PDB file of N, CA and C in Angstrom:
ATOM      1  N   UNK A   1       1.030  -0.555  -0.158  1.00  0.00           N
ATOM      2  CA  UNK A   1       0.052   0.062  -0.022  1.00  0.00           C
ATOM      3  C   UNK A   1       0.738   0.857  -0.086  1.00  0.00           C
ATOM      4  N   UNK A   2       0.187   2.429  -0.946  1.00  0.00           N
ATOM      5  CA  UNK A   2       1.498   3.481  -0.502  1.00  0.00           C
ATOM      6  C   UNK A   2       0.832   4.041   0.160  1.00  0.00           C
ATOM      7  N   UNK A   3       2.080   4.924   1.430  1.00  0.00           N
ATOM      8  CA  UNK A   3       1.532   5.996   2.088  1.00  0.00           C
ATOM      9  C   UNK A   3       1.287   7.605   1.342  1.00  0.00           C
ATOM     10  N   UNK A   4       0.077   7.819   1.771  1.00  0.00           N
ATOM     11  CA  UNK A   4      -0.149   9.254   1.021  1.00  0.00           C
ATOM     12  C   UNK A   4       0.185  10.572   2.447  1.00  0.00           C
ATOM     13  N   UNK A   5       0.199  10.346   3.706  1.00  0.00           N
ATOM     14  CA  UNK A   5       0.510  11.187   4.838  1.00  0.00           C
ATOM     15  C   UNK A   5       1.237  11.606   4.877  1.00  0.00           C
ATOM     16  N   UNK A   6       1.193  13.131   4.605  1.00  0.00           N
ATOM     17  CA  UNK A   6       2.234  13.660   4.903  1.00  0.00           C
ATOM     18  C   UNK A   6       3.106  13.840   6.115  1.00  0.00           C
ATOM     19  N   UNK A   7       2.484  13.174   7.469  1.00  0.00           N
ATOM     20  CA  UNK A   7       2.921  13.044   8.595  1.00  0.00           C
ATOM     21  C   UNK A   7       2.985  11.875   9.094  1.00  0.00           C
ATOM     22  N   UNK A   8       3.631  11.446   9.406  1.00  0.00           N
ATOM     23  CA  UNK A   8       3.593   9.476  10.096  1.00  0.00           C
ATOM     24  C   UNK A   8       2.009  10.027  11.042  1.00  0.00           C
ATOM     25  N   UNK A   9       1.696   8.784  11.440  1.00  0.00           N
ATOM     26  CA  UNK A   9       0.976   8.588  12.472  1.00  0.00           C
ATOM     27  C   UNK A   9       1.148   8.202  13.597  1.00  0.00           C
ATOM     28  N   UNK A  10       0.269   7.932  15.428  1.00  0.00           N
ATOM     29  CA  UNK A  10       1.194   7.326  15.935  1.00  0.00           C
ATOM     30  C   UNK A  10      -0.027   6.587  16.971  1.00  0.00           C
ATOM     31  N   UNK A  11       0.091   5.506  16.600  1.00  0.00           N
ATOM     32  CA  UNK A  11      -1.367   4.745  17.760  1.00  0.00           C
ATOM     33  C   UNK A  11      -1.773   5.703  18.921  1.00  0.00           C
ATOM     34  N   UNK A  12      -2.862   5.525  18.891  1.00  0.00           N
ATOM     35  CA  UNK A  12      -3.299   5.856  20.599  1.00  0.00           C
ATOM     36  C   UNK A  12      -4.012   5.193  20.624  1.00  0.00           C
ATOM     37  N   UNK A  13      -4.724   5.498  21.987  1.00  0.00           N
ATOM     38  CA  UNK A  13      -6.129   4.262  22.374  1.00  0.00           C
ATOM     39  C   UNK A  13      -6.991   6.101  23.983  1.00  0.00           C
ATOM     40  N   UNK A  14      -7.426   6.856  23.120  1.00  0.00           N
ATOM     41  CA  UNK A  14      -7.305   7.790  24.113  1.00  0.00           C
ATOM     42  C   UNK A  14      -9.053   8.527  23.798  1.00  0.00           C
ATOM     43  N   UNK A  15     -10.505   9.173  24.726  1.00  0.00           N
ATOM     44  CA  UNK A  15     -11.733   9.017  24.791  1.00  0.00           C
ATOM     45  C   UNK A  15     -10.883  10.936  24.272  1.00  0.00           C
ATOM     46  N   UNK A  16     -12.064  10.902  23.305  1.00  0.00           N
ATOM     47  CA  UNK A  16     -12.686  12.139  23.036  1.00  0.00           C
ATOM     48  C   UNK A  16     -13.185  12.819  22.596  1.00  0.00           C
ATOM     49  N   UNK A  17     -13.745  14.185  22.176  1.00  0.00           N
ATOM     50  CA  UNK A  17     -15.358  14.483  21.806  1.00  0.00           C
ATOM     51  C   UNK A  17     -15.051  15.647  20.269  1.00  0.00           C
ATOM     52  N   UNK A  18     -16.101  14.954  19.801  1.00  0.00           N
ATOM     53  CA  UNK A  18     -16.283  16.077  18.155  1.00  0.00           C
ATOM     54  C   UNK A  18     -17.500  16.236  18.780  1.00  0.00           C
ATOM     55  N   UNK A  19     -17.486  18.221  18.714  1.00  0.00           N
ATOM     56  CA  UNK A  19     -18.373  18.885  19.583  1.00  0.00           C
ATOM     57  C   UNK A  19     -18.991  20.226  17.623  1.00  0.00           C
ATOM     58  N   UNK A  20     -19.866  20.840  17.951  1.00  0.00           N
ATOM     59  CA  UNK A  20     -20.055  20.977  17.066  1.00  0.00           C
ATOM     60  C   UNK A  20     -21.505  21.656  16.957  1.00  0.00           C
ATOM     61  N   UNK A  21     -22.469  23.151  16.481  1.00  0.00           N
ATOM     62  CA  UNK A  21     -22.940  23.279  16.397  1.00  0.00           C
ATOM     63  C   UNK A  21     -23.946  23.064  17.656  1.00  0.00           C
ATOM     64  N   UNK A  22     -25.086  21.630  16.643  1.00  0.00           N
ATOM     65  CA  UNK A  22     -26.152  21.240  17.854  1.00  0.00           C
ATOM     66  C   UNK A  22     -26.268  19.773  18.988  1.00  0.00           C
ATOM     67  N   UNK A  23     -24.282  20.167  18.895  1.00  0.00           N
ATOM     68  CA  UNK A  23     -23.660  19.074  20.264  1.00  0.00           C
ATOM     69  C   UNK A  23     -22.423  18.856  20.329  1.00  0.00           C
ATOM     70  N   UNK A  24     -22.585  17.399  20.921  1.00  0.00           N
ATOM     71  CA  UNK A  24     -21.180  16.427  21.391  1.00  0.00           C
ATOM     72  C   UNK A  24     -21.634  15.214  20.737  1.00  0.00           C
ATOM     73  N   UNK A  25     -20.090  14.351  20.389  1.00  0.00           N
ATOM     74  CA  UNK A  25     -20.898  13.215  20.459  1.00  0.00           C
ATOM     75  C   UNK A  25     -19.062  12.236  21.301  1.00  0.00           C
ATOM     76  N   UNK A  26     -18.816  11.720  21.735  1.00  0.00           N
ATOM     77  CA  UNK A  26     -17.804  11.165  22.313  1.00  0.00           C
ATOM     78  C   UNK A  26     -17.320   9.817  21.254  1.00  0.00           C
ATOM     79  N   UNK A  27     -16.175   9.861  22.143  1.00  0.00           N
ATOM     80  CA  UNK A  27     -15.477   9.118  20.355  1.00  0.00           C
ATOM     81  C   UNK A  27     -13.840   8.161  21.465  1.00  0.00           C
ATOM     82  N   UNK A  28     -13.676   7.821  20.357  1.00  0.00           N
ATOM     83  CA  UNK A  28     -12.268   7.217  20.774  1.00  0.00           C
ATOM     84  C   UNK A  28     -10.937   7.451  19.419  1.00  0.00           C
ATOM     85  N   UNK A  29      -9.954   7.925  20.134  1.00  0.00           N
ATOM     86  CA  UNK A  29      -8.975   8.861  18.556  1.00  0.00           C
ATOM     87  C   UNK A  29      -7.911   7.396  18.756  1.00  0.00           C
ATOM     88  N   UNK A  30      -8.006   7.085  18.108  1.00  0.00           N
ATOM     89  CA  UNK A  30      -7.237   5.785  17.403  1.00  0.00           C
ATOM     90  C   UNK A  30      -5.439   6.130  16.953  1.00  0.00           C
ATOM     91  N   UNK A  31      -5.264   6.842  15.993  1.00  0.00           N
ATOM     92  CA  UNK A  31      -4.002   7.192  15.991  1.00  0.00           C
ATOM     93  C   UNK A  31      -3.799   9.095  15.654  1.00  0.00           C
ATOM     94  N   UNK A  32      -2.985   9.573  15.334  1.00  0.00           N
ATOM     95  CA  UNK A  32      -2.914  10.918  15.659  1.00  0.00           C
ATOM     96  C   UNK A  32      -1.714  10.942  14.663  1.00  0.00           C
ATOM     97  N   UNK A  33      -0.991  12.019  13.728  1.00  0.00           N
ATOM     98  CA  UNK A  33      -0.500  13.275  13.719  1.00  0.00           C
ATOM     99  C   UNK A  33      -0.657  14.054  13.574  1.00  0.00           C
ATOM    100  N   UNK A  34       0.719  15.147  13.398  1.00  0.00           N
ATOM    101  CA  UNK A  34       0.246  16.182  13.327  1.00  0.00           C
ATOM    102  C   UNK A  34      -0.476  16.462  12.906  1.00  0.00           C
ATOM    103  N   UNK A  35      -0.926  16.598  11.599  1.00  0.00           N
ATOM    104  CA  UNK A  35      -2.423  16.869  10.233  1.00  0.00           C
ATOM    105  C   UNK A  35      -3.445  16.030  10.683  1.00  0.00           C
ATOM    106  N   UNK A  36      -3.685  15.147  11.391  1.00  0.00           N
ATOM    107  CA  UNK A  36      -5.048  14.983  11.799  1.00  0.00           C
ATOM    108  C   UNK A  36      -4.993  13.647  12.423  1.00  0.00           C
ATOM    109  N   UNK A  37      -5.670  12.831  12.314  1.00  0.00           N
ATOM    110  CA  UNK A  37      -6.324  11.838  13.498  1.00  0.00           C
ATOM    111  C   UNK A  37      -7.487  10.814  13.254  1.00  0.00           C
ATOM    112  N   UNK A  38      -7.239  10.185  13.270  1.00  0.00           N
ATOM    113  CA  UNK A  38      -8.805   8.771  12.874  1.00  0.00           C
ATOM    114  C   UNK A  38      -8.532   8.523  14.165  1.00  0.00           C
ATOM    115  N   UNK A  39     -10.974   8.570  14.392  1.00  0.00           N
ATOM    116  CA  UNK A  39     -11.635   8.245  15.578  1.00  0.00           C
ATOM    117  C   UNK A  39     -12.538   7.064  15.342  1.00  0.00           C
ATOM    118  N   UNK A  40     -13.044   6.424  16.233  1.00  0.00           N
ATOM    119  CA  UNK A  40     -14.378   5.663  16.291  1.00  0.00           C
ATOM    120  C   UNK A  40     -15.291   5.962  16.946  1.00  0.00           C
ATOM    121  N   UNK A  41     -16.636   5.998  16.453  1.00  0.00           N
ATOM    122  CA  UNK A  41     -17.717   6.373  17.461  1.00  0.00           C
ATOM    123  C   UNK A  41     -17.904   5.073  17.441  1.00  0.00           C
ATOM    124  N   UNK A  42     -19.243   5.371  18.459  1.00  0.00           N
ATOM    125  CA  UNK A  42     -20.100   3.629  18.836  1.00  0.00           C
ATOM    126  C   UNK A  42     -20.648   3.768  17.981  1.00  0.00           C
ATOM    127  N   UNK A  43     -21.769   4.657  17.147  1.00  0.00           N
ATOM    128  CA  UNK A  43     -22.757   4.221  16.093  1.00  0.00           C
ATOM    129  C   UNK A  43     -22.674   5.119  14.666  1.00  0.00           C
ATOM    130  N   UNK A  44     -22.660   5.187  13.531  1.00  0.00           N
ATOM    131  CA  UNK A  44     -22.760   5.599  13.085  1.00  0.00           C
ATOM    132  C   UNK A  44     -23.491   7.493  13.080  1.00  0.00           C
ATOM    133  N   UNK A  45     -22.816   7.837  12.933  1.00  0.00           N
ATOM    134  CA  UNK A  45     -23.463   9.357  12.581  1.00  0.00           C
ATOM    135  C   UNK A  45     -23.561  10.396  11.669  1.00  0.00           C
ATOM    136  N   UNK A  46     -24.290  10.731  11.526  1.00  0.00           N
ATOM    137  CA  UNK A  46     -24.030  11.775  10.320  1.00  0.00           C
ATOM    138  C   UNK A  46     -23.172  12.721  11.401  1.00  0.00           C
ATOM    139  N   UNK A  47     -21.745  13.442  10.549  1.00  0.00           N
ATOM    140  CA  UNK A  47     -21.676  14.755  11.164  1.00  0.00           C
ATOM    141  C   UNK A  47     -21.456  16.147   9.697  1.00  0.00           C
ATOM    142  N   UNK A  48     -21.190  17.004  10.135  1.00  0.00           N
ATOM    143  CA  UNK A  48     -21.308  18.836   9.860  1.00  0.00           C
ATOM    144  C   UNK A  48     -20.154  18.451   9.252  1.00  0.00           C
ATOM    145  N   UNK A  49     -19.810  19.596   8.130  1.00  0.00           N
ATOM    146  CA  UNK A  49     -18.553  20.132   7.346  1.00  0.00           C
ATOM    147  C   UNK A  49     -17.423  19.546   8.173  1.00  0.00           C
ATOM    148  N   UNK A  50     -17.776  20.287   8.728  1.00  0.00           N
ATOM    149  CA  UNK A  50     -16.381  20.639  10.217  1.00  0.00           C
ATOM    150  C   UNK A  50     -16.497  20.517  11.901  1.00  0.00           C
ATOM    151  N   UNK A  51     -15.980  20.510  12.631  1.00  0.00           N
ATOM    152  CA  UNK A  51     -16.032  20.052  14.346  1.00  0.00           C
ATOM    153  C   UNK A  51     -14.884  20.004  14.433  1.00  0.00           C
ATOM    154  N   UNK A  52     -15.071  20.506  16.015  1.00  0.00           N
ATOM    155  CA  UNK A  52     -13.551  20.446  16.799  1.00  0.00           C
ATOM    156  C   UNK A  52     -13.655  18.677  17.353  1.00  0.00           C
ATOM    157  N   UNK A  53     -12.865  18.446  17.763  1.00  0.00           N
ATOM    158  CA  UNK A  53     -11.915  16.908  18.740  1.00  0.00           C
ATOM    159  C   UNK A  53     -11.123  18.121  19.710  1.00  0.00           C
ATOM    160  N   UNK A  54     -11.527  16.850  21.017  1.00  0.00           N
ATOM    161  CA  UNK A  54     -11.482  17.973  21.852  1.00  0.00           C
ATOM    162  C   UNK A  54     -10.474  16.264  22.556  1.00  0.00           C
ATOM    163  N   UNK A  55     -10.084  16.595  23.105  1.00  0.00           N
ATOM    164  CA  UNK A  55      -9.032  14.862  24.206  1.00  0.00           C
ATOM    165  C   UNK A  55      -9.132  15.445  25.886  1.00  0.00           C
ATOM    166  N   UNK A  56     -10.123  15.816  26.381  1.00  0.00           N
ATOM    167  CA  UNK A  56      -9.501  16.025  27.431  1.00  0.00           C
ATOM    168  C   UNK A  56      -8.282  16.225  28.512  1.00  0.00           C
ATOM    169  N   UNK A  57      -7.947  15.465  28.587  1.00  0.00           N
ATOM    170  CA  UNK A  57      -7.063  14.536  29.382  1.00  0.00           C
ATOM    171  C   UNK A  57      -5.988  15.219  29.309  1.00  0.00           C
ATOM    172  N   UNK A  58      -5.090  15.824  27.462  1.00  0.00           N
ATOM    173  CA  UNK A  58      -4.665  16.041  26.875  1.00  0.00           C
ATOM    174  C   UNK A  58      -4.774  17.587  26.749  1.00  0.00           C
ATOM    175  N   UNK A  59      -5.659  18.414  26.948  1.00  0.00           N
ATOM    176  CA  UNK A  59      -6.141  19.763  26.899  1.00  0.00           C
ATOM    177  C   UNK A  59      -5.592  20.122  25.263  1.00  0.00           C
ATOM    178  N   UNK A  60      -6.323  18.842  24.564  1.00  0.00           N
ATOM    179  CA  UNK A  60      -5.733  18.708  23.657  1.00  0.00           C
ATOM    180  C   UNK A  60      -6.943  19.640  22.697  1.00  0.00           C
ATOM    181  N   UNK A  61      -7.850  20.476  21.570  1.00  0.00           N
ATOM    182  CA  UNK A  61      -8.690  20.602  20.902  1.00  0.00           C
ATOM    183  C   UNK A  61      -8.195  20.691  19.592  1.00  0.00           C
ATOM    184  N   UNK A  62      -8.875  20.492  18.571  1.00  0.00           N
ATOM    185  CA  UNK A  62      -8.519  21.761  17.067  1.00  0.00           C
ATOM    186  C   UNK A  62      -9.636  21.422  15.842  1.00  0.00           C
ATOM    187  N   UNK A  63      -9.311  22.328  15.244  1.00  0.00           N
ATOM    188  CA  UNK A  63     -10.369  21.868  14.577  1.00  0.00           C
ATOM    189  C   UNK A  63     -10.238  21.263  12.870  1.00  0.00           C
ATOM    190  N   UNK A  64     -11.616  20.016  12.825  1.00  0.00           N
ATOM    191  CA  UNK A  64     -11.479  19.397  11.866  1.00  0.00           C
ATOM    192  C   UNK A  64     -12.672  19.270  10.935  1.00  0.00           C
ATOM    193  N   UNK A  65     -12.102  18.561   9.299  1.00  0.00           N
ATOM    194  CA  UNK A  65     -13.636  17.943   9.029  1.00  0.00           C
ATOM    195  C   UNK A  65     -12.561  17.041   8.481  1.00  0.00           C
ATOM    196  N   UNK A  66     -13.820  15.939   7.822  1.00  0.00           N
ATOM    197  CA  UNK A  66     -14.208  14.548   7.504  1.00  0.00           C
ATOM    198  C   UNK A  66     -13.096  14.655   6.286  1.00  0.00           C
ATOM    199  N   UNK A  67     -12.076  13.261   6.358  1.00  0.00           N
ATOM    200  CA  UNK A  67     -11.639  13.386   4.958  1.00  0.00           C
ATOM    201  C   UNK A  67     -11.599  11.663   3.991  1.00  0.00           C
ATOM    202  N   UNK A  68     -11.996  10.676   5.061  1.00  0.00           N
ATOM    203  CA  UNK A  68     -12.864   9.546   4.659  1.00  0.00           C
ATOM    204  C   UNK A  68     -13.626   9.243   6.085  1.00  0.00           C
ATOM    205  N   UNK A  69     -14.730   8.421   5.518  1.00  0.00           N
ATOM    206  CA  UNK A  69     -15.474   7.260   6.634  1.00  0.00           C
ATOM    207  C   UNK A  69     -15.548   6.086   6.918  1.00  0.00           C
ATOM    208  N   UNK A  70     -15.023   5.087   6.953  1.00  0.00           N
ATOM    209  CA  UNK A  70     -15.062   3.484   6.933  1.00  0.00           C
ATOM    210  C   UNK A  70     -16.554   3.140   8.006  1.00  0.00           C
ATOM    211  N   UNK A  71     -17.881   3.077   7.663  1.00  0.00           N
ATOM    212  CA  UNK A  71     -19.257   3.019   9.218  1.00  0.00           C
ATOM    213  C   UNK A  71     -18.795   3.098  10.665  1.00  0.00           C
ATOM    214  N   UNK A  72     -17.932   2.629  10.866  1.00  0.00           N
ATOM    215  CA  UNK A  72     -17.657   3.753  12.326  1.00  0.00           C
ATOM    216  C   UNK A  72     -16.470   3.962  12.757  1.00  0.00           C
ATOM    217  N   UNK A  73     -14.997   4.038  11.745  1.00  0.00           N
ATOM    218  CA  UNK A  73     -13.949   4.502  11.669  1.00  0.00           C
ATOM    219  C   UNK A  73     -14.140   6.457  10.746  1.00  0.00           C
ATOM    220  N   UNK A  74     -13.564   7.512  11.069  1.00  0.00           N
ATOM    221  CA  UNK A  74     -13.460   8.473  10.746  1.00  0.00           C
ATOM    222  C   UNK A  74     -12.225   9.058  10.502  1.00  0.00           C
ATOM    223  N   UNK A  75     -11.658   9.331   9.567  1.00  0.00           N
ATOM    224  CA  UNK A  75     -10.322   9.906   9.623  1.00  0.00           C
ATOM    225  C   UNK A  75     -10.359  11.219   8.750  1.00  0.00           C
ATOM    226  N   UNK A  76      -9.624  12.017   9.893  1.00  0.00           N
ATOM    227  CA  UNK A  76     -10.501  13.493  10.027  1.00  0.00           C
ATOM    228  C   UNK A  76      -8.696  13.717   9.207  1.00  0.00           C
ATOM    229  N   UNK A  77      -8.388  15.893   8.800  1.00  0.00           N
ATOM    230  CA  UNK A  77      -7.662  16.219   9.091  1.00  0.00           C
ATOM    231  C   UNK A  77      -7.860  17.923   9.817  1.00  0.00           C
ATOM    232  N   UNK A  78      -7.150  18.360  10.307  1.00  0.00           N
ATOM    233  CA  UNK A  78      -7.147  19.247  11.670  1.00  0.00           C
ATOM    234  C   UNK A  78      -6.649  20.414  10.241  1.00  0.00           C
ATOM    235  N   UNK A  79      -7.378  21.388  10.745  1.00  0.00           N
ATOM    236  CA  UNK A  79      -7.801  22.219   9.403  1.00  0.00           C
ATOM    237  C   UNK A  79      -7.010  23.519  10.677  1.00  0.00           C
ATOM    238  N   UNK A  80      -6.338  24.296  10.437  1.00  0.00           N
ATOM    239  CA  UNK A  80      -5.172  25.568  10.559  1.00  0.00           C
ATOM    240  C   UNK A  80      -6.347  26.728  10.334  1.00  0.00           C
TER     241      UNK A  80
END
C-alpha cells in the first residue's frame, strides 16, 4: 500500500469528544499525527462539514474536517 499521509501517524487509544453546533459526541481516538487523526464512534453518525475534536486529558483541541469514512471509523484532517 502506498502511504499518502504527509506526517506519520502514531497509534493511541484516548477518549475524545467531537463537538459542533447542535451538540457533541464521545469518540475514541485511535491514531494521530500533526495533520490529522482517526477516530471510532459507537454508532454511525452524520457529521457536519467541520467540527472540533478535543481530548480533555491532554488539553488538546483542534478544528477538523472529515477526509474519509469507513462505517464507524473516520479519518480527520486538522484545519488550520
